[in-house]
Amino acid sequence: MNELERVTGEPNLPVAYLKAVEAAKEYLRAEKAVATRRAYRSDVAIFVAWCQALGLQALPCASETLAAFLADQAKTGSKLATLRRRVAAIAYAHEAAGHEPPQSRLVKSTMQGIARTIGSAKVQKAPVTAERLRDMVKHCDGTLRGLRDRALLLLGFAGAFRRSELVALTVADLEEVEEGLRVHVRRSKTDQEGAGQVIPVLNGSRFKVAEAVQAWLQAAQISEGPVFRPLRKGGEVLPVALSTKSVAEIVKAYAELAGLDPGIFAGHSLRAGFLTSAAVAGASVFKMMEVSRHRSLETVRGYVRDAELFRDHAGAAFL
């Protein structure tokens, strides 16, 4: 039980004070993004179930228990990034319950050993480059589904959007200008406090991004609310936002239609594709960051290095 929970249980406290405590608890719950809280709940549930199966105490847990759990998870195929998140989730659960997190040297050494054994390199999904995107959108027909998917693929690419940002967009977030669209991103991975950012999206001469978005909105008769929505089999447009999982499925589906391996593409492929294409075209790293909103210069430079891997190769003159 944390300090706020203890306060709530105290008798004879003023009502106004208790209301303020409840408000503080709401803000504490809002500290983490919705997706993070969902992942944390799943991680903690897995840990608790594992402890119960072995007759071990989960909360608070001994450092030896957490180290054994991590080792068992690694042996059964969990990725390093997943294990790191589970350590954070279990520590967060301990703090929320008023316990000291089991962050001992034993736990840290176990994680270091796992990292050395299974490796820490991220599995990168293939980028949907401009050329690949061109081949993919050829398969978007004039149906409502085709218009929606074309708009989603083009806007996701042109704005280097994350899946969560795409599905969170509303009609009010789109501002038409002569050059294309000013897209207002109310909240993002790097802007958890909701300061908001405006992303310039060019209409372009090849893809006509803004026109594709407007064609979808007009055909679907959407004048407010979520921009990208699920469709029933009969073509009915639902009033709710599309899921992030659906974005990934759409990317994979059109990659396959374009003759590509769908297994190497994901929702992030649109964002990666814009940055890769911009790097190939010789765009400034800082101009790329204006669109992608990366805070780390080194992350964006990684796309440039990948794009220029064989440019001016040291062995070009003699190999």
Protein backbone atom coordinates (compact mmCIF):
# COMPACT_ATOMS: atom_id res chain seq x y z
CA MET A 1 0.00 0.00 0.00
CA ASN A 2 1.48 3.40 -0.98
CA GLU A 3 1.25 6.63 1.02
CA LEU A 4 -1.85 7.86 -0.82
CA GLU A 5 -3.67 4.57 -0.23
CA ARG A 6 -2.85 4.81 3.46
CA VAL A 7 -4.22 8.35 3.58
CA THR A 8 -7.47 7.23 1.94
CA GLY A 9 -7.94 4.61 4.65
CA GLU A 10 -7.49 7.06 7.53
CA PRO A 11 -10.71 7.91 9.40
CA ASN A 12 -12.03 11.40 10.21
CA LEU A 13 -10.15 13.22 7.45
CA PRO A 14 -11.81 16.24 5.79
CA VAL A 15 -13.80 15.42 2.65
CA ALA A 16 -12.01 18.10 0.64
CA TYR A 17 -8.66 16.58 1.59
CA LEU A 18 -9.77 13.08 0.58
CA LYS A 19 -10.97 14.44 -2.78
CA ALA A 20 -7.57 16.04 -3.30
CA VAL A 21 -5.89 12.71 -2.51
CA GLU A 22 -8.11 10.93 -5.04
CA ALA A 23 -7.16 13.55 -7.64
CA ALA A 24 -3.47 12.97 -6.87
CA LYS A 25 -3.95 9.22 -7.39
CA GLU A 26 -5.51 9.92 -10.81
CA TYR A 27 -2.48 11.99 -11.80
CA LEU A 28 -0.17 9.23 -10.63
CA ARG A 29 -2.05 6.76 -12.84
CA ALA A 30 -1.64 9.17 -15.76
CA GLU A 31 2.15 9.27 -15.27
CA LYS A 32 2.57 6.41 -17.74
CA ALA A 33 1.11 6.25 -21.24
CA VAL A 34 -1.93 4.02 -21.72
CA ALA A 35 0.06 1.52 -23.78
CA THR A 36 2.78 1.42 -21.12
CA ARG A 37 0.28 0.79 -18.34
CA ARG A 38 -1.31 -1.98 -20.40
CA ALA A 39 2.08 -3.61 -21.00
CA TYR A 40 3.03 -3.23 -17.33
CA ARG A 41 -0.20 -4.93 -16.21
CA SER A 42 0.52 -7.84 -18.53
CA ASP A 43 4.13 -8.11 -17.35
CA VAL A 44 3.17 -8.10 -13.67
CA ALA A 45 0.41 -10.65 -14.27
CA ILE A 46 2.93 -12.99 -15.94
CA PHE A 47 5.34 -12.57 -13.03
CA VAL A 48 2.64 -13.17 -10.40
CA ALA A 49 1.40 -16.30 -12.19
CA TRP A 50 4.97 -17.62 -12.39
CA CYS A 51 5.49 -17.01 -8.66
CA GLN A 52 2.18 -18.63 -7.73
CA ALA A 53 3.00 -21.73 -9.77
CA LEU A 54 6.23 -22.15 -7.78
CA GLY A 55 4.84 -21.12 -4.42
CA LEU A 56 6.94 -17.94 -4.27
CA GLN A 57 6.00 -14.50 -2.97
CA ALA A 58 5.51 -11.98 -5.77
CA LEU A 59 4.94 -8.76 -3.83
CA PRO A 60 7.28 -7.93 -2.32
CA CYS A 61 9.59 -10.40 -3.97
CA ALA A 62 13.15 -11.40 -3.15
CA SER A 63 15.91 -10.42 -5.58
CA GLU A 64 16.63 -14.13 -6.04
CA THR A 65 13.02 -14.66 -7.16
CA LEU A 66 13.19 -11.91 -9.78
CA ALA A 67 16.59 -13.10 -11.04
CA ALA A 68 15.25 -16.66 -11.42
CA PHE A 69 12.15 -15.37 -13.22
CA LEU A 70 14.24 -13.40 -15.70
CA ALA A 71 16.51 -16.36 -16.37
CA ASP A 72 13.50 -18.63 -16.95
CA GLN A 73 11.90 -16.09 -19.29
CA ALA A 74 15.14 -15.75 -21.28
CA LYS A 75 15.37 -19.54 -21.63
CA THR A 76 11.84 -19.69 -23.02
CA GLY A 77 12.52 -17.10 -25.72
CA SER A 78 11.63 -13.69 -24.29
CA LYS A 79 13.50 -10.83 -25.96
CA LEU A 80 15.87 -8.61 -24.03
CA ALA A 81 13.69 -5.53 -24.54
CA THR A 82 10.71 -7.44 -23.12
CA LEU A 83 12.69 -8.53 -20.07
CA ARG A 84 13.88 -4.98 -19.42
CA ARG A 85 10.30 -3.76 -19.55
CA ARG A 86 9.22 -6.52 -17.14
CA VAL A 87 11.89 -5.48 -14.66
CA ALA A 88 10.58 -1.90 -14.89
CA ALA A 89 6.96 -3.08 -14.51
CA ILE A 90 7.73 -5.20 -11.44
CA ALA A 91 9.70 -2.34 -9.87
CA TYR A 92 6.80 0.04 -10.60
CA ALA A 93 4.32 -2.38 -8.99
CA HIS A 94 6.50 -2.58 -5.88
CA GLU A 95 6.74 1.21 -5.59
CA ALA A 96 2.99 1.60 -6.10
CA ALA A 97 2.41 -0.84 -3.24
CA GLY A 98 4.87 0.95 -0.97
CA HIS A 99 7.66 -1.64 -1.22
CA GLU A 100 11.32 -1.23 -2.10
CA PRO A 101 11.89 -2.44 -5.71
CA PRO A 102 14.08 -5.57 -5.98
CA GLN A 103 16.86 -3.75 -7.85
CA SER A 104 19.83 -5.55 -6.34
CA ARG A 105 23.24 -6.28 -7.83
CA LEU A 106 22.01 -9.83 -8.42
CA VAL A 107 19.17 -8.66 -10.67
CA LYS A 108 21.44 -6.28 -12.60
CA SER A 109 24.11 -8.94 -13.10
CA THR A 110 21.49 -11.42 -14.30
CA MET A 111 20.23 -8.93 -16.89
CA GLN A 112 23.80 -8.21 -18.01
CA GLY A 113 24.43 -11.93 -18.41
CA ILE A 114 21.25 -12.36 -20.42
CA ALA A 115 22.23 -9.42 -22.65
CA ARG A 116 25.64 -10.97 -23.33
CA THR A 117 24.09 -14.36 -24.04
CA ILE A 118 21.12 -13.52 -26.26
CA GLY A 119 22.34 -10.17 -27.58
CA SER A 120 20.78 -6.74 -27.37
CA ALA A 121 20.53 -5.81 -31.05
CA LYS A 122 17.05 -4.69 -32.05
CA VAL A 123 15.29 -6.49 -34.88
CA GLN A 124 14.70 -3.72 -37.39
CA LYS A 125 11.70 -3.91 -39.69
CA ALA A 126 12.22 -3.10 -43.36
CA PRO A 127 11.46 0.49 -44.38
CA VAL A 128 8.66 1.30 -46.82
CA THR A 129 10.75 3.54 -49.06
CA ALA A 130 9.22 5.89 -51.64
CA GLU A 131 9.69 3.29 -54.37
CA ARG A 132 8.07 0.54 -52.31
CA LEU A 133 5.25 2.86 -51.31
CA ARG A 134 4.56 3.64 -54.96
CA ASP A 135 4.21 -0.08 -55.69
CA MET A 136 2.00 -0.62 -52.63
CA VAL A 137 -0.54 2.16 -53.26
CA LYS A 138 -1.06 0.92 -56.82
CA HIS A 139 -3.19 -1.77 -55.21
CA CYS A 140 -5.47 0.69 -53.38
CA ASP A 141 -8.68 0.71 -55.42
CA GLY A 142 -11.55 3.21 -55.47
CA THR A 143 -13.59 1.50 -52.76
CA LEU A 144 -13.95 3.02 -49.32
CA ARG A 145 -11.39 0.56 -47.98
CA GLY A 146 -8.99 1.34 -50.80
CA LEU A 147 -9.37 5.10 -50.31
CA ARG A 148 -8.82 4.78 -46.57
CA ASP A 149 -5.77 2.57 -46.95
CA ARG A 150 -4.23 4.84 -49.57
CA ALA A 151 -4.69 7.88 -47.33
CA LEU A 152 -3.28 6.04 -44.32
CA LEU A 153 -0.21 4.72 -46.13
CA LEU A 154 0.59 8.07 -47.76
CA LEU A 155 0.01 10.21 -44.66
CA GLY A 156 1.85 7.76 -42.41
CA PHE A 157 4.84 7.90 -44.75
CA ALA A 158 4.82 11.63 -45.57
CA GLY A 159 4.54 12.65 -41.92
CA ALA A 160 6.85 9.93 -40.57
CA PHE A 161 4.09 9.15 -38.10
CA ARG A 162 4.07 6.49 -35.44
CA ARG A 163 1.11 4.10 -35.48
CA SER A 164 -0.26 5.60 -32.27
CA GLU A 165 -0.10 9.10 -33.74
CA LEU A 166 -1.92 8.07 -36.92
CA VAL A 167 -4.86 6.47 -35.16
CA ALA A 168 -5.12 9.39 -32.72
CA LEU A 169 -5.60 11.97 -35.48
CA THR A 170 -8.96 13.70 -35.74
CA VAL A 171 -10.37 15.89 -38.51
CA ALA A 172 -9.70 18.93 -36.32
CA ASP A 173 -5.99 18.04 -36.35
CA LEU A 174 -5.73 18.51 -40.14
CA GLU A 175 -5.23 21.97 -41.53
CA GLU A 176 -5.13 22.35 -45.31
CA VAL A 177 -2.56 24.80 -46.66
CA GLU A 178 -1.28 25.53 -50.16
CA GLU A 179 1.71 23.19 -49.78
CA GLY A 180 -0.27 20.30 -48.31
CA LEU A 181 -1.27 19.76 -44.67
CA ARG A 182 -0.32 21.08 -41.28
CA VAL A 183 -0.97 18.13 -39.00
CA HIS A 184 -1.37 18.79 -35.29
CA VAL A 185 -0.05 15.92 -33.16
CA ARG A 186 -1.58 16.45 -29.73
CA ARG A 187 0.54 13.88 -27.91
CA SER A 188 3.31 11.49 -28.92
CA LYS A 189 5.96 9.15 -27.55
CA THR A 190 8.39 12.03 -27.10
CA ASP A 191 5.70 14.46 -25.92
CA GLN A 192 3.90 12.66 -23.10
CA GLU A 193 2.88 15.94 -21.46
CA GLY A 194 0.83 16.92 -24.50
CA ALA A 195 2.53 20.18 -25.47
CA GLY A 196 1.64 19.37 -29.07
CA GLN A 197 3.56 19.62 -32.33
CA VAL A 198 2.70 20.69 -35.87
CA ILE A 199 4.03 18.47 -38.67
CA PRO A 200 4.38 19.88 -42.21
CA VAL A 201 3.16 17.30 -44.73
CA LEU A 202 3.80 18.10 -48.37
CA ASN A 203 1.11 17.19 -50.87
CA GLY A 204 3.90 16.27 -53.30
CA SER A 205 3.86 15.84 -57.05
CA ARG A 206 4.09 12.03 -56.98
CA PHE A 207 1.79 10.94 -54.18
CA LYS A 208 -0.67 13.84 -53.69
CA VAL A 209 -0.93 13.10 -49.98
CA ALA A 210 -3.38 15.84 -48.98
CA GLU A 211 -5.65 14.98 -51.91
CA ALA A 212 -5.69 11.32 -50.88
CA VAL A 213 -6.67 12.22 -47.32
CA GLN A 214 -9.46 14.53 -48.48
CA ALA A 215 -10.74 11.91 -50.95
CA TRP A 216 -11.11 9.42 -48.09
CA LEU A 217 -12.81 11.88 -45.74
CA GLN A 218 -15.30 12.99 -48.39
CA ALA A 219 -16.12 9.47 -49.54
CA ALA A 220 -16.58 8.30 -45.94
CA GLN A 221 -18.54 11.46 -45.05
CA ILE A 222 -16.29 12.17 -42.09
CA SER A 223 -16.43 15.78 -40.93
CA GLU A 224 -15.32 15.34 -37.33
CA GLY A 225 -13.81 12.76 -35.01
CA PRO A 226 -11.20 10.11 -35.87
CA VAL A 227 -9.67 10.34 -39.35
CA PHE A 228 -8.89 6.64 -39.79
CA ARG A 229 -11.67 4.23 -38.86
CA PRO A 230 -12.50 0.55 -39.21
CA LEU A 231 -15.00 -0.63 -41.82
CA ARG A 232 -17.58 -3.36 -41.63
CA LYS A 233 -17.67 -5.95 -44.41
CA GLY A 234 -20.60 -4.16 -46.00
CA GLY A 235 -18.63 -0.92 -46.18
CA GLU A 236 -20.11 0.79 -43.12
CA VAL A 237 -17.70 3.27 -41.57
CA LEU A 238 -17.59 2.86 -37.79
CA PRO A 239 -17.43 5.95 -35.54
CA VAL A 240 -14.33 4.80 -33.63
CA ALA A 241 -10.62 5.09 -34.37
CA LEU A 242 -8.67 2.35 -36.11
CA SER A 243 -6.40 0.29 -33.84
CA THR A 244 -2.60 0.43 -34.00
CA LYS A 245 -2.64 -3.29 -34.81
CA SER A 246 -4.79 -2.57 -37.88
CA VAL A 247 -2.20 -0.07 -39.15
CA ALA A 248 0.47 -2.78 -39.08
CA GLU A 249 -1.87 -5.22 -40.80
CA ILE A 250 -2.61 -2.73 -43.59
CA VAL A 251 1.11 -2.14 -44.19
CA LYS A 252 1.76 -5.88 -44.32
CA ALA A 253 -1.20 -6.54 -46.63
CA TYR A 254 -0.12 -4.00 -49.24
CA ALA A 255 3.52 -5.02 -48.97
CA GLU A 256 2.43 -8.54 -49.91
CA LEU A 257 0.29 -7.25 -52.79
CA ALA A 258 3.39 -5.40 -54.04
CA GLY A 259 5.33 -8.66 -54.10
CA LEU A 260 7.28 -8.00 -50.89
CA ASP A 261 7.70 -10.26 -47.86
CA PRO A 262 5.03 -9.05 -45.39
CA GLY A 263 6.91 -10.59 -42.48
CA ILE A 264 9.66 -7.98 -42.59
CA PHE A 265 7.30 -4.98 -42.54
CA ALA A 266 5.31 -3.38 -39.72
CA GLY A 267 3.58 -0.13 -38.82
CA HIS A 268 6.96 1.48 -38.10
CA SER A 269 8.03 0.76 -41.69
CA LEU A 270 6.26 3.91 -42.92
CA ARG A 271 8.17 6.15 -40.50
CA ALA A 272 11.45 4.37 -41.23
CA GLY A 273 10.73 4.57 -44.94
CA PHE A 274 10.38 8.35 -44.93
CA LEU A 275 13.66 8.80 -43.09
CA THR A 276 15.49 6.32 -45.31
CA SER A 277 14.14 7.95 -48.48
CA ALA A 278 15.02 11.42 -47.17
CA ALA A 279 18.57 10.28 -46.37
CA VAL A 280 19.00 8.78 -49.86
CA ALA A 281 17.78 12.06 -51.35
CA GLY A 282 20.44 13.95 -49.37
CA ALA A 283 18.09 15.77 -47.01
CA SER A 284 19.54 17.57 -44.00
CA VAL A 285 19.43 15.57 -40.79
CA PHE A 286 17.89 18.57 -39.04
CA LYS A 287 15.14 18.91 -41.67
CA MET A 288 14.44 15.20 -41.27
CA MET A 289 14.08 15.72 -37.53
CA GLU A 290 11.54 18.50 -38.11
CA VAL A 291 9.23 15.91 -39.60
CA SER A 292 10.12 12.84 -37.52
CA ARG A 293 10.38 14.74 -34.19
CA HIS A 294 13.27 12.56 -33.02
CA ARG A 295 15.05 14.02 -30.03
CA SER A 296 18.20 12.02 -30.62
CA LEU A 297 20.40 13.23 -33.45
CA GLU A 298 22.26 9.91 -33.35
CA THR A 299 19.06 7.95 -34.05
CA VAL A 300 18.38 9.91 -37.24
CA ARG A 301 22.03 9.69 -38.28
CA GLY A 302 21.56 5.92 -38.16
CA TYR A 303 19.13 6.16 -41.09
CA VAL A 304 21.63 8.31 -42.98
CA ARG A 305 24.43 5.80 -42.36
CA ASP A 306 22.25 2.95 -43.59
CA ALA A 307 21.29 4.88 -46.73
CA GLU A 308 24.90 5.79 -47.49
CA LEU A 309 26.41 2.42 -46.60
CA PHE A 310 27.85 1.83 -50.09
CA ARG A 311 28.27 5.47 -51.16
CA ASP A 312 31.95 6.38 -51.68
CA HIS A 313 32.93 2.91 -50.48
CA ALA A 314 36.60 2.58 -49.51
CA GLY A 315 37.01 -0.34 -51.87
CA ALA A 316 35.23 1.22 -54.86
CA ALA A 317 38.48 1.90 -56.74
CA PHE A 318 39.89 -1.63 -56.56
CA LEU A 319 37.18 -4.18 -55.74
